């Protein structure tokens, strides 16, 4: 399972959704994703309503998310919502709670429940 491909598809889905672009037009954030079992890091950037994704460290990220690779993949592929692994303790989030809630809402708008 390729987490980078899942993140790129997630970004593409967000960018194709006019409602999400409008909702995120003033949500400028850098998000670091750390796959703890593979020790690989990725980033998501939201700027002026557009989402981009890539590999590597996210210096000065406002939101840091860590979990096993499969958990991150499943979240950003729409297989599960972030709420499930967060409540189970399988997803660690460092940052503002409203930013995590925003990501949860984005995934719900793209894939539904």
PDB file of N, CA and C in Angstrom:
ATOM      1  N   UNK A   1       0.833  -1.177   0.000  1.00  0.00           N
ATOM      2  CA  UNK A   1       0.000   0.000   0.000  1.00  0.00           C
ATOM      3  C   UNK A   1       0.878   1.240   0.000  1.00  0.00           C
ATOM      4  N   UNK A   2       0.626   2.124  -0.935  1.00  0.00           N
ATOM      5  CA  UNK A   2       1.452   3.300  -1.139  1.00  0.00           C
ATOM      6  C   UNK A   2       0.781   4.521  -0.511  1.00  0.00           C
ATOM      7  N   UNK A   3       1.307   4.956   0.604  1.00  0.00           N
ATOM      8  CA  UNK A   3       0.721   6.084   1.314  1.00  0.00           C
ATOM      9  C   UNK A   3       0.826   7.364   0.499  1.00  0.00           C
ATOM     10  N   UNK A   4       1.947   7.593  -0.170  1.00  0.00           N
ATOM     11  CA  UNK A   4       2.093   8.808  -0.967  1.00  0.00           C
ATOM     12  C   UNK A   4       1.019   8.872  -2.053  1.00  0.00           C
ATOM     13  N   UNK A   5       0.768   7.767  -2.723  1.00  0.00           N
ATOM     14  CA  UNK A   5      -0.279   7.742  -3.757  1.00  0.00           C
ATOM     15  C   UNK A   5      -1.644   8.052  -3.150  1.00  0.00           C
ATOM     16  N   UNK A   6      -1.910   7.516  -1.957  1.00  0.00           N
ATOM     17  CA  UNK A   6      -3.181   7.798  -1.280  1.00  0.00           C
ATOM     18  C   UNK A   6      -3.292   9.284  -0.941  1.00  0.00           C
ATOM     19  N   UNK A   7      -2.201   9.886  -0.477  1.00  0.00           N
ATOM     20  CA  UNK A   7      -2.215  11.312  -0.143  1.00  0.00           C
ATOM     21  C   UNK A   7      -2.408  12.171  -1.386  1.00  0.00           C
ATOM     22  N   UNK A   8      -1.768  11.789  -2.485  1.00  0.00           N
ATOM     23  CA  UNK A   8      -1.919  12.541  -3.733  1.00  0.00           C
ATOM     24  C   UNK A   8      -3.347  12.439  -4.257  1.00  0.00           C
ATOM     25  N   UNK A   9      -3.947  11.262  -4.154  1.00  0.00           N
ATOM     26  CA  UNK A   9      -5.340  11.082  -4.570  1.00  0.00           C
ATOM     27  C   UNK A   9      -6.268  11.891  -3.670  1.00  0.00           C
ATOM     28  N   UNK A  10      -5.991  11.888  -2.372  1.00  0.00           N
ATOM     29  CA  UNK A  10      -6.760  12.688  -1.417  1.00  0.00           C
ATOM     30  C   UNK A  10      -6.710  14.165  -1.809  1.00  0.00           C
ATOM     31  N   UNK A  11      -5.514  14.670  -2.103  1.00  0.00           N
ATOM     32  CA  UNK A  11      -5.357  16.073  -2.497  1.00  0.00           C
ATOM     33  C   UNK A  11      -6.131  16.358  -3.784  1.00  0.00           C
ATOM     34  N   UNK A  12      -6.042  15.463  -4.739  1.00  0.00           N
ATOM     35  CA  UNK A  12      -6.754  15.627  -6.008  1.00  0.00           C
ATOM     36  C   UNK A  12      -8.267  15.673  -5.784  1.00  0.00           C
ATOM     37  N   UNK A  13      -8.768  14.770  -4.937  1.00  0.00           N
ATOM     38  CA  UNK A  13     -10.202  14.744  -4.624  1.00  0.00           C
ATOM     39  C   UNK A  13     -10.634  16.067  -3.978  1.00  0.00           C
ATOM     40  N   UNK A  14      -9.821  16.574  -3.072  1.00  0.00           N
ATOM     41  CA  UNK A  14     -10.128  17.851  -2.423  1.00  0.00           C
ATOM     42  C   UNK A  14     -10.160  18.983  -3.440  1.00  0.00           C
ATOM     43  N   UNK A  15      -9.179  19.004  -4.315  1.00  0.00           N
ATOM     44  CA  UNK A  15      -9.060  20.090  -5.285  1.00  0.00           C
ATOM     45  C   UNK A  15     -10.159  20.058  -6.340  1.00  0.00           C
ATOM     46  N   UNK A  16     -10.730  18.895  -6.591  1.00  0.00           N
ATOM     47  CA  UNK A  16     -11.813  18.779  -7.571  1.00  0.00           C
ATOM     48  C   UNK A  16     -13.174  19.129  -6.977  1.00  0.00           C
ATOM     49  N   UNK A  17     -13.235  19.303  -5.673  1.00  0.00           N
ATOM     50  CA  UNK A  17     -14.499  19.559  -4.994  1.00  0.00           C
ATOM     51  C   UNK A  17     -14.625  21.058  -4.703  1.00  0.00           C
ATOM     52  N   UNK A  18     -15.488  21.730  -5.464  1.00  0.00           N
ATOM     53  CA  UNK A  18     -15.655  23.182  -5.331  1.00  0.00           C
ATOM     54  C   UNK A  18     -16.062  23.575  -3.909  1.00  0.00           C
ATOM     55  N   UNK A  19     -16.926  22.791  -3.312  1.00  0.00           N
ATOM     56  CA  UNK A  19     -17.386  23.077  -1.945  1.00  0.00           C
ATOM     57  C   UNK A  19     -16.218  23.047  -0.954  1.00  0.00           C
ATOM     58  N   UNK A  20     -15.340  22.054  -1.092  1.00  0.00           N
ATOM     59  CA  UNK A  20     -14.174  21.965  -0.205  1.00  0.00           C
ATOM     60  C   UNK A  20     -13.203  23.111  -0.446  1.00  0.00           C
ATOM     61  N   UNK A  21     -12.972  23.450  -1.710  1.00  0.00           N
ATOM     62  CA  UNK A  21     -12.056  24.563  -1.998  1.00  0.00           C
ATOM     63  C   UNK A  21     -12.576  25.858  -1.372  1.00  0.00           C
ATOM     64  N   UNK A  22     -13.878  26.064  -1.456  1.00  0.00           N
ATOM     65  CA  UNK A  22     -14.478  27.259  -0.857  1.00  0.00           C
ATOM     66  C   UNK A  22     -14.336  27.211   0.670  1.00  0.00           C
ATOM     67  N   UNK A  23     -14.628  26.055   1.259  1.00  0.00           N
ATOM     68  CA  UNK A  23     -14.551  25.892   2.709  1.00  0.00           C
ATOM     69  C   UNK A  23     -13.120  26.101   3.222  1.00  0.00           C
ATOM     70  N   UNK A  24     -12.135  25.670   2.443  1.00  0.00           N
ATOM     71  CA  UNK A  24     -10.739  25.719   2.881  1.00  0.00           C
ATOM     72  C   UNK A  24      -9.977  26.944   2.386  1.00  0.00           C
ATOM     73  N   UNK A  25     -10.660  27.895   1.789  1.00  0.00           N
ATOM     74  CA  UNK A  25      -9.964  29.035   1.191  1.00  0.00           C
ATOM     75  C   UNK A  25      -9.142  29.828   2.203  1.00  0.00           C
ATOM     76  N   UNK A  26      -9.559  29.821   3.471  1.00  0.00           N
ATOM     77  CA  UNK A  26      -8.813  30.564   4.493  1.00  0.00           C
ATOM     78  C   UNK A  26      -8.150  29.643   5.518  1.00  0.00           C
ATOM     79  N   UNK A  27      -8.101  28.346   5.210  1.00  0.00           N
ATOM     80  CA  UNK A  27      -7.462  27.371   6.107  1.00  0.00           C
ATOM     81  C   UNK A  27      -6.089  27.032   5.536  1.00  0.00           C
ATOM     82  N   UNK A  28      -5.089  27.787   5.941  1.00  0.00           N
ATOM     83  CA  UNK A  28      -3.723  27.593   5.458  1.00  0.00           C
ATOM     84  C   UNK A  28      -2.930  26.860   6.531  1.00  0.00           C
ATOM     85  N   UNK A  29      -2.660  25.592   6.254  1.00  0.00           N
ATOM     86  CA  UNK A  29      -1.985  24.754   7.246  1.00  0.00           C
ATOM     87  C   UNK A  29      -0.990  23.826   6.572  1.00  0.00           C
ATOM     88  N   UNK A  30       0.055  23.517   7.320  1.00  0.00           N
ATOM     89  CA  UNK A  30       1.007  22.493   6.930  1.00  0.00           C
ATOM     90  C   UNK A  30       0.844  21.348   7.917  1.00  0.00           C
ATOM     91  N   UNK A  31       0.624  20.157   7.383  1.00  0.00           N
ATOM     92  CA  UNK A  31       0.372  18.972   8.199  1.00  0.00           C
ATOM     93  C   UNK A  31       1.484  17.964   7.951  1.00  0.00           C
ATOM     94  N   UNK A  32       2.092  17.481   9.024  1.00  0.00           N
ATOM     95  CA  UNK A  32       3.102  16.430   8.905  1.00  0.00           C
ATOM     96  C   UNK A  32       2.466  15.092   9.259  1.00  0.00           C
ATOM     97  N   UNK A  33       2.718  14.100   8.435  1.00  0.00           N
ATOM     98  CA  UNK A  33       2.231  12.742   8.667  1.00  0.00           C
ATOM     99  C   UNK A  33       3.438  11.840   8.842  1.00  0.00           C
ATOM    100  N   UNK A  34       3.474  11.109   9.953  1.00  0.00           N
ATOM    101  CA  UNK A  34       4.593  10.214  10.240  1.00  0.00           C
ATOM    102  C   UNK A  34       4.065   8.795  10.349  1.00  0.00           C
ATOM    103  N   UNK A  35       4.507   7.958   9.428  1.00  0.00           N
ATOM    104  CA  UNK A  35       4.178   6.531   9.485  1.00  0.00           C
ATOM    105  C   UNK A  35       5.173   5.896  10.447  1.00  0.00           C
ATOM    106  N   UNK A  36       4.720   5.599  11.647  1.00  0.00           N
ATOM    107  CA  UNK A  36       5.619   5.188  12.723  1.00  0.00           C
ATOM    108  C   UNK A  36       6.292   3.844  12.482  1.00  0.00           C
ATOM    109  N   UNK A  37       5.631   2.938  11.790  1.00  0.00           N
ATOM    110  CA  UNK A  37       6.217   1.609  11.584  1.00  0.00           C
ATOM    111  C   UNK A  37       7.255   1.588  10.471  1.00  0.00           C
ATOM    112  N   UNK A  38       7.170   2.523   9.529  1.00  0.00           N
ATOM    113  CA  UNK A  38       8.149   2.582   8.436  1.00  0.00           C
ATOM    114  C   UNK A  38       9.107   3.757   8.601  1.00  0.00           C
ATOM    115  N   UNK A  39       8.835   4.615   9.595  1.00  0.00           N
ATOM    116  CA  UNK A  39       9.607   5.830   9.865  1.00  0.00           C
ATOM    117  C   UNK A  39       9.690   6.739   8.638  1.00  0.00           C
ATOM    118  N   UNK A  40       8.617   6.785   7.870  1.00  0.00           N
ATOM    119  CA  UNK A  40       8.561   7.687   6.716  1.00  0.00           C
ATOM    120  C   UNK A  40       7.645   8.853   7.047  1.00  0.00           C
ATOM    121  N   UNK A  41       8.022  10.016   6.534  1.00  0.00           N
ATOM    122  CA  UNK A  41       7.250  11.232   6.786  1.00  0.00           C
ATOM    123  C   UNK A  41       6.752  11.811   5.465  1.00  0.00           C
ATOM    124  N   UNK A  42       5.566  12.385   5.561  1.00  0.00           N
ATOM    125  CA  UNK A  42       4.919  13.009   4.420  1.00  0.00           C
ATOM    126  C   UNK A  42       4.304  14.315   4.893  1.00  0.00           C
ATOM    127  N   UNK A  43       3.846  15.116   3.952  1.00  0.00           N
ATOM    128  CA  UNK A  43       3.193  16.364   4.318  1.00  0.00           C
ATOM    129  C   UNK A  43       1.973  16.607   3.438  1.00  0.00           C
ATOM    130  N   UNK A  44       1.042  17.328   4.006  1.00  0.00           N
ATOM    131  CA  UNK A  44      -0.101  17.885   3.294  1.00  0.00           C
ATOM    132  C   UNK A  44      -0.069  19.382   3.546  1.00  0.00           C
ATOM    133  N   UNK A  45      -0.332  20.151   2.510  1.00  0.00           N
ATOM    134  CA  UNK A  45      -0.370  21.599   2.664  1.00  0.00           C
ATOM    135  C   UNK A  45      -1.689  22.110   2.106  1.00  0.00           C
ATOM    136  N   UNK A  46      -2.367  22.908   2.902  1.00  0.00           N
ATOM    137  CA  UNK A  46      -3.593  23.566   2.475  1.00  0.00           C
ATOM    138  C   UNK A  46      -3.290  25.050   2.366  1.00  0.00           C
ATOM    139  N   UNK A  47      -3.520  25.586   1.173  1.00  0.00           N
ATOM    140  CA  UNK A  47      -3.241  27.004   0.963  1.00  0.00           C
ATOM    141  C   UNK A  47      -4.238  27.567  -0.038  1.00  0.00           C
ATOM    142  N   UNK A  48      -4.983  28.575   0.400  1.00  0.00           N
ATOM    143  CA  UNK A  48      -5.967  29.257  -0.442  1.00  0.00           C
ATOM    144  C   UNK A  48      -6.956  28.281  -1.075  1.00  0.00           C
ATOM    145  N   UNK A  49      -7.324  27.242  -0.332  1.00  0.00           N
ATOM    146  CA  UNK A  49      -8.313  26.291  -0.813  1.00  0.00           C
ATOM    147  C   UNK A  49      -7.765  25.109  -1.581  1.00  0.00           C
ATOM    148  N   UNK A  50      -6.493  25.098  -1.868  1.00  0.00           N
ATOM    149  CA  UNK A  50      -5.870  24.010  -2.636  1.00  0.00           C
ATOM    150  C   UNK A  50      -5.025  23.144  -1.712  1.00  0.00           C
ATOM    151  N   UNK A  51      -5.063  21.851  -1.942  1.00  0.00           N
ATOM    152  CA  UNK A  51      -4.312  20.883  -1.137  1.00  0.00           C
ATOM    153  C   UNK A  51      -3.212  20.277  -2.001  1.00  0.00           C
ATOM    154  N   UNK A  52      -2.005  20.197  -1.441  1.00  0.00           N
ATOM    155  CA  UNK A  52      -0.901  19.496  -2.093  1.00  0.00           C
ATOM    156  C   UNK A  52      -0.333  18.491  -1.099  1.00  0.00           C
ATOM    157  N   UNK A  53       0.372  17.499  -1.624  1.00  0.00           N
ATOM    158  CA  UNK A  53       0.946  16.442  -0.783  1.00  0.00           C
ATOM    159  C   UNK A  53       2.315  16.076  -1.313  1.00  0.00           C
ATOM    160  N   UNK A  54       3.169  15.575  -0.420  1.00  0.00           N
ATOM    161  CA  UNK A  54       4.482  15.140  -0.857  1.00  0.00           C
ATOM    162  C   UNK A  54       5.211  14.365   0.224  1.00  0.00           C
ATOM    163  N   UNK A  55       6.361  13.813  -0.145  1.00  0.00           N
ATOM    164  CA  UNK A  55       7.176  13.077   0.817  1.00  0.00           C
ATOM    165  C   UNK A  55       8.116  14.012   1.569  1.00  0.00           C
ATOM    166  N   UNK A  56       8.544  13.591   2.747  1.00  0.00           N
ATOM    167  CA  UNK A  56       9.556  14.331   3.487  1.00  0.00           C
ATOM    168  C   UNK A  56       9.010  15.024   4.719  1.00  0.00           C
ATOM    169  N   UNK A  57       9.934  15.649   5.450  1.00  0.00           N
ATOM    170  CA  UNK A  57       9.587  16.357   6.678  1.00  0.00           C
ATOM    171  C   UNK A  57       8.804  17.625   6.366  1.00  0.00           C
ATOM    172  N   UNK A  58       7.977  18.021   7.297  1.00  0.00           N
ATOM    173  CA  UNK A  58       7.215  19.265   7.193  1.00  0.00           C
ATOM    174  C   UNK A  58       7.709  20.185   8.302  1.00  0.00           C
ATOM    175  N   UNK A  59       8.691  20.991   7.988  1.00  0.00           N
ATOM    176  CA  UNK A  59       9.261  21.908   8.973  1.00  0.00           C
ATOM    177  C   UNK A  59       8.193  22.932   9.362  1.00  0.00           C
ATOM    178  N   UNK A  60       8.047  23.155  10.646  1.00  0.00           N
ATOM    179  CA  UNK A  60       7.076  24.111  11.195  1.00  0.00           C
ATOM    180  C   UNK A  60       5.625  23.727  10.917  1.00  0.00           C
ATOM    181  N   UNK A  61       5.337  22.444  10.878  1.00  0.00           N
ATOM    182  CA  UNK A  61       3.957  21.990  10.671  1.00  0.00           C
ATOM    183  C   UNK A  61       3.081  22.412  11.846  1.00  0.00           C
ATOM    184  N   UNK A  62       1.880  22.897  11.538  1.00  0.00           N
ATOM    185  CA  UNK A  62       0.938  23.278  12.584  1.00  0.00           C
ATOM    186  C   UNK A  62       0.229  22.066  13.175  1.00  0.00           C
ATOM    187  N   UNK A  63       0.166  21.000  12.403  1.00  0.00           N
ATOM    188  CA  UNK A  63      -0.517  19.787  12.832  1.00  0.00           C
ATOM    189  C   UNK A  63       0.381  18.601  12.521  1.00  0.00           C
ATOM    190  N   UNK A  64       0.619  17.764  13.530  1.00  0.00           N
ATOM    191  CA  UNK A  64       1.449  16.572  13.339  1.00  0.00           C
ATOM    192  C   UNK A  64       0.612  15.351  13.667  1.00  0.00           C
ATOM    193  N   UNK A  65       0.571  14.430  12.716  1.00  0.00           N
ATOM    194  CA  UNK A  65      -0.235  13.227  12.853  1.00  0.00           C
ATOM    195  C   UNK A  65       0.680  12.025  12.714  1.00  0.00           C
ATOM    196  N   UNK A  66       0.578  11.083  13.646  1.00  0.00           N
ATOM    197  CA  UNK A  66       1.392   9.874  13.543  1.00  0.00           C
ATOM    198  C   UNK A  66       0.531   8.645  13.792  1.00  0.00           C
ATOM    199  N   UNK A  67       0.846   7.604  13.027  1.00  0.00           N
ATOM    200  CA  UNK A  67       0.155   6.315  13.124  1.00  0.00           C
ATOM    201  C   UNK A  67       0.927   5.335  12.252  1.00  0.00           C
ATOM    202  N   UNK A  68       0.542   4.071  12.329  1.00  0.00           N
ATOM    203  CA  UNK A  68       1.132   3.084  11.422  1.00  0.00           C
ATOM    204  C   UNK A  68       0.773   3.454   9.980  1.00  0.00           C
ATOM    205  N   UNK A  69       1.596   3.014   9.060  1.00  0.00           N
ATOM    206  CA  UNK A  69       1.392   3.286   7.644  1.00  0.00           C
ATOM    207  C   UNK A  69      -0.005   2.857   7.180  1.00  0.00           C
ATOM    208  N   UNK A  70      -0.433   1.665   7.589  1.00  0.00           N
ATOM    209  CA  UNK A  70      -1.736   1.167   7.127  1.00  0.00           C
ATOM    210  C   UNK A  70      -2.888   2.017   7.652  1.00  0.00           C
ATOM    211  N   UNK A  71      -2.766   2.545   8.853  1.00  0.00           N
ATOM    212  CA  UNK A  71      -3.817   3.397   9.413  1.00  0.00           C
ATOM    213  C   UNK A  71      -3.895   4.708   8.631  1.00  0.00           C
ATOM    214  N   UNK A  72      -2.744   5.336   8.394  1.00  0.00           N
ATOM    215  CA  UNK A  72      -2.728   6.578   7.617  1.00  0.00           C
ATOM    216  C   UNK A  72      -3.264   6.334   6.210  1.00  0.00           C
ATOM    217  N   UNK A  73      -2.830   5.242   5.590  1.00  0.00           N
ATOM    218  CA  UNK A  73      -3.310   4.905   4.247  1.00  0.00           C
ATOM    219  C   UNK A  73      -4.831   4.766   4.239  1.00  0.00           C
ATOM    220  N   UNK A  74      -5.366   4.043   5.202  1.00  0.00           N
ATOM    221  CA  UNK A  74      -6.812   3.812   5.240  1.00  0.00           C
ATOM    222  C   UNK A  74      -7.594   5.098   5.494  1.00  0.00           C
ATOM    223  N   UNK A  75      -7.053   5.988   6.300  1.00  0.00           N
ATOM    224  CA  UNK A  75      -7.712   7.275   6.542  1.00  0.00           C
ATOM    225  C   UNK A  75      -7.756   8.087   5.258  1.00  0.00           C
ATOM    226  N   UNK A  76      -6.612   8.231   4.599  1.00  0.00           N
ATOM    227  CA  UNK A  76      -6.538   9.098   3.430  1.00  0.00           C
ATOM    228  C   UNK A  76      -7.001   8.421   2.143  1.00  0.00           C
ATOM    229  N   UNK A  77      -7.414   7.157   2.253  1.00  0.00           N
ATOM    230  CA  UNK A  77      -8.056   6.453   1.136  1.00  0.00           C
ATOM    231  C   UNK A  77      -9.565   6.385   1.325  1.00  0.00           C
ATOM    232  N   UNK A  78     -10.044   6.842   2.460  1.00  0.00           N
ATOM    233  CA  UNK A  78     -11.474   6.838   2.718  1.00  0.00           C
ATOM    234  C   UNK A  78     -12.026   5.530   3.244  1.00  0.00           C
ATOM    235  N   UNK A  79     -11.146   4.613   3.620  1.00  0.00           N
ATOM    236  CA  UNK A  79     -11.585   3.315   4.139  1.00  0.00           C
ATOM    237  C   UNK A  79     -12.123   3.461   5.561  1.00  0.00           C
ATOM    238  N   UNK A  80     -11.473   4.321   6.350  1.00  0.00           N
ATOM    239  CA  UNK A  80     -11.928   4.615   7.709  1.00  0.00           C
ATOM    240  C   UNK A  80     -11.879   6.121   7.926  1.00  0.00           C
ATOM    241  N   UNK A  81     -12.597   6.601   8.932  1.00  0.00           N
ATOM    242  CA  UNK A  81     -12.513   8.013   9.292  1.00  0.00           C
ATOM    243  C   UNK A  81     -11.401   8.185  10.325  1.00  0.00           C
ATOM    244  N   UNK A  82     -10.855   9.381  10.472  1.00  0.00           N
ATOM    245  CA  UNK A  82      -9.818   9.596  11.487  1.00  0.00           C
ATOM    246  C   UNK A  82     -10.321   9.366  12.907  1.00  0.00           C
ATOM    247  N   UNK A  83     -11.608   9.504  13.130  1.00  0.00           N
ATOM    248  CA  UNK A  83     -12.175   9.369  14.470  1.00  0.00           C
ATOM    249  C   UNK A  83     -11.959   7.975  15.044  1.00  0.00           C
ATOM    250  N   UNK A  84     -12.127   6.954  14.212  1.00  0.00           N
ATOM    251  CA  UNK A  84     -12.006   5.573  14.694  1.00  0.00           C
ATOM    252  C   UNK A  84     -10.625   5.277  15.292  1.00  0.00           C
ATOM    253  N   UNK A  85      -9.531   5.457  14.543  1.00  0.00           N
ATOM    254  CA  UNK A  85      -8.221   5.158  15.130  1.00  0.00           C
ATOM    255  C   UNK A  85      -7.822   6.145  16.229  1.00  0.00           C
ATOM    256  N   UNK A  86      -8.301   7.380  16.148  1.00  0.00           N
ATOM    257  CA  UNK A  86      -8.006   8.355  17.197  1.00  0.00           C
ATOM    258  C   UNK A  86      -8.603   7.896  18.523  1.00  0.00           C
ATOM    259  N   UNK A  87      -9.858   7.506  18.490  1.00  0.00           N
ATOM    260  CA  UNK A  87     -10.518   7.043  19.717  1.00  0.00           C
ATOM    261  C   UNK A  87      -9.919   5.749  20.247  1.00  0.00           C
ATOM    262  N   UNK A  88      -9.359   4.922  19.362  1.00  0.00           N
ATOM    263  CA  UNK A  88      -8.744   3.651  19.767  1.00  0.00           C
ATOM    264  C   UNK A  88      -7.301   3.835  20.237  1.00  0.00           C
ATOM    265  N   UNK A  89      -6.761   5.052  20.098  1.00  0.00           N
ATOM    266  CA  UNK A  89      -5.381   5.308  20.495  1.00  0.00           C
ATOM    267  C   UNK A  89      -4.362   4.922  19.439  1.00  0.00           C
ATOM    268  N   UNK A  90      -4.813   4.642  18.220  1.00  0.00           N
ATOM    269  CA  UNK A  90      -3.909   4.251  17.134  1.00  0.00           C
ATOM    270  C   UNK A  90      -3.468   5.428  16.280  1.00  0.00           C
ATOM    271  N   UNK A  91      -3.985   6.610  16.572  1.00  0.00           N
ATOM    272  CA  UNK A  91      -3.669   7.819  15.824  1.00  0.00           C
ATOM    273  C   UNK A  91      -3.335   8.909  16.827  1.00  0.00           C
ATOM    274  N   UNK A  92      -2.131   9.456  16.742  1.00  0.00           N
ATOM    275  CA  UNK A  92      -1.698  10.518  17.641  1.00  0.00           C
ATOM    276  C   UNK A  92      -1.704  11.831  16.873  1.00  0.00           C
ATOM    277  N   UNK A  93      -2.319  12.831  17.464  1.00  0.00           N
ATOM    278  CA  UNK A  93      -2.424  14.140  16.828  1.00  0.00           C
ATOM    279  C   UNK A  93      -1.847  15.185  17.766  1.00  0.00           C
ATOM    280  N   UNK A  94      -0.927  15.991  17.242  1.00  0.00           N
ATOM    281  CA  UNK A  94      -0.365  17.107  18.001  1.00  0.00           C
ATOM    282  C   UNK A  94      -0.682  18.371  17.225  1.00  0.00           C
ATOM    283  N   UNK A  95      -1.417  19.232  17.864  1.00  0.00           N
ATOM    284  CA  UNK A  95      -1.841  20.468  17.212  1.00  0.00           C
ATOM    285  C   UNK A  95      -3.210  20.850  17.717  1.00  0.00           C
ATOM    286  N   UNK A  96      -3.808  21.785  17.046  1.00  0.00           N
ATOM    287  CA  UNK A  96      -5.118  22.270  17.460  1.00  0.00           C
ATOM    288  C   UNK A  96      -6.205  21.261  17.115  1.00  0.00           C
ATOM    289  N   UNK A  97      -7.105  21.056  18.049  1.00  0.00           N
ATOM    290  CA  UNK A  97      -8.199  20.105  17.852  1.00  0.00           C
ATOM    291  C   UNK A  97      -9.076  20.499  16.670  1.00  0.00           C
ATOM    292  N   UNK A  98      -9.276  21.809  16.457  1.00  0.00           N
ATOM    293  CA  UNK A  98     -10.131  22.217  15.346  1.00  0.00           C
ATOM    294  C   UNK A  98      -9.506  21.887  13.992  1.00  0.00           C
ATOM    295  N   UNK A  99      -8.169  21.808  13.920  1.00  0.00           N
ATOM    296  CA  UNK A  99      -7.524  21.390  12.672  1.00  0.00           C
ATOM    297  C   UNK A  99      -7.783  19.913  12.393  1.00  0.00           C
ATOM    298  N   UNK A 100      -7.736  19.096  13.433  1.00  0.00           N
ATOM    299  CA  UNK A 100      -8.037  17.671  13.254  1.00  0.00           C
ATOM    300  C   UNK A 100      -9.498  17.489  12.872  1.00  0.00           C
ATOM    301  N   UNK A 101     -10.363  18.263  13.486  1.00  0.00           N
ATOM    302  CA  UNK A 101     -11.777  18.181  13.126  1.00  0.00           C
ATOM    303  C   UNK A 101     -11.991  18.598  11.672  1.00  0.00           C
ATOM    304  N   UNK A 102     -11.227  19.572  11.213  1.00  0.00           N
ATOM    305  CA  UNK A 102     -11.337  20.009   9.814  1.00  0.00           C
ATOM    306  C   UNK A 102     -10.970  18.865   8.880  1.00  0.00           C
ATOM    307  N   UNK A 103      -9.879  18.159   9.184  1.00  0.00           N
ATOM    308  CA  UNK A 103      -9.504  17.007   8.349  1.00  0.00           C
ATOM    309  C   UNK A 103     -10.582  15.932   8.369  1.00  0.00           C
ATOM    310  N   UNK A 104     -11.179  15.722   9.520  1.00  0.00           N
ATOM    311  CA  UNK A 104     -12.260  14.738   9.634  1.00  0.00           C
ATOM    312  C   UNK A 104     -13.438  15.143   8.749  1.00  0.00           C
ATOM    313  N   UNK A 105     -13.801  16.410   8.767  1.00  0.00           N
ATOM    314  CA  UNK A 105     -14.896  16.909   7.937  1.00  0.00           C
ATOM    315  C   UNK A 105     -14.560  16.764   6.458  1.00  0.00           C
ATOM    316  N   UNK A 106     -13.317  17.067   6.090  1.00  0.00           N
ATOM    317  CA  UNK A 106     -12.902  16.935   4.691  1.00  0.00           C
ATOM    318  C   UNK A 106     -13.076  15.495   4.219  1.00  0.00           C
ATOM    319  N   UNK A 107     -12.614  14.539   5.027  1.00  0.00           N
ATOM    320  CA  UNK A 107     -12.751  13.135   4.613  1.00  0.00           C
ATOM    321  C   UNK A 107     -14.217  12.737   4.505  1.00  0.00           C
ATOM    322  N   UNK A 108     -15.058  13.245   5.387  1.00  0.00           N
ATOM    323  CA  UNK A 108     -16.488  12.933   5.310  1.00  0.00           C
ATOM    324  C   UNK A 108     -17.118  13.519   4.056  1.00  0.00           C
ATOM    325  N   UNK A 109     -16.717  14.735   3.679  1.00  0.00           N
ATOM    326  CA  UNK A 109     -17.270  15.352   2.480  1.00  0.00           C
ATOM    327  C   UNK A 109     -16.819  14.638   1.208  1.00  0.00           C
ATOM    328  N   UNK A 110     -15.617  14.087   1.218  1.00  0.00           N
ATOM    329  CA  UNK A 110     -15.120  13.378   0.031  1.00  0.00           C
ATOM    330  C   UNK A 110     -15.746  11.999  -0.079  1.00  0.00           C
ATOM    331  N   UNK A 111     -15.729  11.232   1.000  1.00  0.00           N
ATOM    332  CA  UNK A 111     -16.118   9.823   0.934  1.00  0.00           C
ATOM    333  C   UNK A 111     -17.406   9.476   1.659  1.00  0.00           C
ATOM    334  N   UNK A 112     -17.940  10.381   2.454  1.00  0.00           N
ATOM    335  CA  UNK A 112     -19.125  10.053   3.237  1.00  0.00           C
ATOM    336  C   UNK A 112     -18.736   9.230   4.455  1.00  0.00           C
ATOM    337  N   UNK A 113     -19.725   8.717   5.148  1.00  0.00           N
ATOM    338  CA  UNK A 113     -19.450   7.950   6.372  1.00  0.00           C
ATOM    339  C   UNK A 113     -19.179   6.503   6.075  1.00  0.00           C
TER     340      UNK A 113
END
